[in-house]
Amino acid sequence: MKGLNNMDDKQMKHYRHVLDQHKEHHLEILDDMENLTLGENDNNGSSELSTYDNHPAEIASELFDVEHQMALKKLQENEVDEIERA
């Protein structure tokens, strides 16, 4: 079994290319998430029903969705960090 130090230049370039592709994929996902979040923020303020009180279950659902999005974003950021450290 070859170790990391025994990898030739061709193998190193191949794996670096694969990692770069994965990094770009994760960055695209983060960009899409950011664009989606910005679009949702624009819609929340313009609704004419937004001045009415929401049912506690609706608030809880919205909070869950926000926390879920934050966790997914953090996961993508961690993946990019791992790739950059490789």
Protein backbone atom coordinates (compact mmCIF):
# COMPACT_ATOMS: atom_id res chain seq x y z
CA MET A 1 0.00 0.00 0.00
CA LYS A 2 1.43 3.34 -1.01
CA GLY A 3 1.61 6.09 1.55
CA LEU A 4 0.95 9.76 0.97
CA ASN A 5 4.66 10.43 0.55
CA ASN A 6 4.94 7.80 -2.20
CA MET A 7 2.27 9.37 -4.40
CA ASP A 8 3.60 10.53 -7.74
CA ASP A 9 2.87 13.94 -9.24
CA LYS A 10 0.21 12.56 -11.56
CA GLN A 11 -1.75 11.09 -8.64
CA MET A 12 -1.34 14.26 -6.59
CA LYS A 13 -2.65 16.39 -9.46
CA HIS A 14 -5.57 14.03 -9.96
CA TYR A 15 -6.62 14.14 -6.31
CA ARG A 16 -6.08 17.91 -6.10
CA HIS A 17 -8.35 18.27 -9.14
CA VAL A 18 -11.01 16.08 -7.50
CA LEU A 19 -10.81 18.12 -4.29
CA ASP A 20 -11.05 21.38 -6.24
CA GLN A 21 -14.18 20.09 -8.00
CA HIS A 22 -15.74 19.16 -4.66
CA LYS A 23 -14.85 22.57 -3.26
CA GLU A 24 -16.47 24.35 -6.22
CA HIS A 25 -19.59 22.21 -5.80
CA HIS A 26 -19.87 23.14 -2.11
CA LEU A 27 -19.26 26.82 -2.87
CA GLU A 28 -22.03 26.74 -5.48
CA ILE A 29 -24.39 25.20 -2.93
CA LEU A 30 -23.48 27.93 -0.42
CA ASP A 31 -24.09 30.59 -3.06
CA ASP A 32 -27.48 29.08 -3.92
CA MET A 33 -28.38 28.94 -0.23
CA GLU A 34 -27.43 32.59 0.19
CA ASN A 35 -29.49 33.64 -2.83
CA LEU A 36 -32.46 31.63 -1.58
CA THR A 37 -32.20 33.20 1.87
CA LEU A 38 -32.03 36.70 0.42
CA GLY A 39 -35.10 36.01 -1.72
CA GLU A 40 -37.06 34.76 1.28
CA ASN A 41 -36.17 37.85 3.29
CA ASP A 42 -37.55 40.08 0.54
CA ASN A 43 -40.84 38.19 0.50
CA ASN A 44 -41.32 38.19 4.26
CA GLY A 45 -41.48 41.94 4.57
CA SER A 46 -43.82 42.59 1.67
CA SER A 47 -46.71 40.31 2.65
CA GLU A 48 -49.83 42.20 3.70
CA LEU A 49 -50.59 39.45 6.23
CA SER A 50 -47.22 39.87 7.91
CA THR A 51 -48.67 42.33 10.43
CA TYR A 52 -50.99 39.69 11.91
CA ASP A 53 -49.84 37.55 14.81
CA ASN A 54 -48.75 34.08 13.83
CA HIS A 55 -49.90 30.93 15.56
CA PRO A 56 -47.17 29.56 17.89
CA ALA A 57 -46.89 26.42 15.73
CA GLU A 58 -46.21 28.57 12.66
CA ILE A 59 -43.52 30.46 14.53
CA ALA A 60 -41.98 27.16 15.67
CA SER A 61 -42.02 25.83 12.11
CA GLU A 62 -40.34 28.99 10.82
CA LEU A 63 -37.73 28.79 13.58
CA PHE A 64 -37.07 25.14 12.74
CA ASP A 65 -36.63 26.03 9.06
CA VAL A 66 -34.21 28.84 9.88
CA GLU A 67 -32.15 26.63 12.21
CA HIS A 68 -32.18 23.83 9.66
CA GLN A 69 -30.88 26.17 6.95
CA MET A 70 -28.19 27.46 9.30
CA ALA A 71 -27.07 23.89 10.08
CA LEU A 72 -26.95 22.98 6.39
CA LYS A 73 -24.96 26.12 5.63
CA LYS A 74 -22.51 25.33 8.43
CA LEU A 75 -22.10 21.79 7.09
CA GLN A 76 -21.23 23.13 3.64
CA GLU A 77 -18.77 25.64 5.15
CA ASN A 78 -17.12 22.85 7.15
CA GLU A 79 -16.76 20.75 4.00
CA VAL A 80 -15.04 23.65 2.22
CA ASP A 81 -12.72 24.15 5.22
CA GLU A 82 -11.80 20.44 5.22
CA ILE A 83 -11.00 20.55 1.52
CA GLU A 84 -8.86 23.67 1.94
CA ARG A 85 -6.88 21.97 4.72
CA ALA A 86 -6.22 18.91 2.55
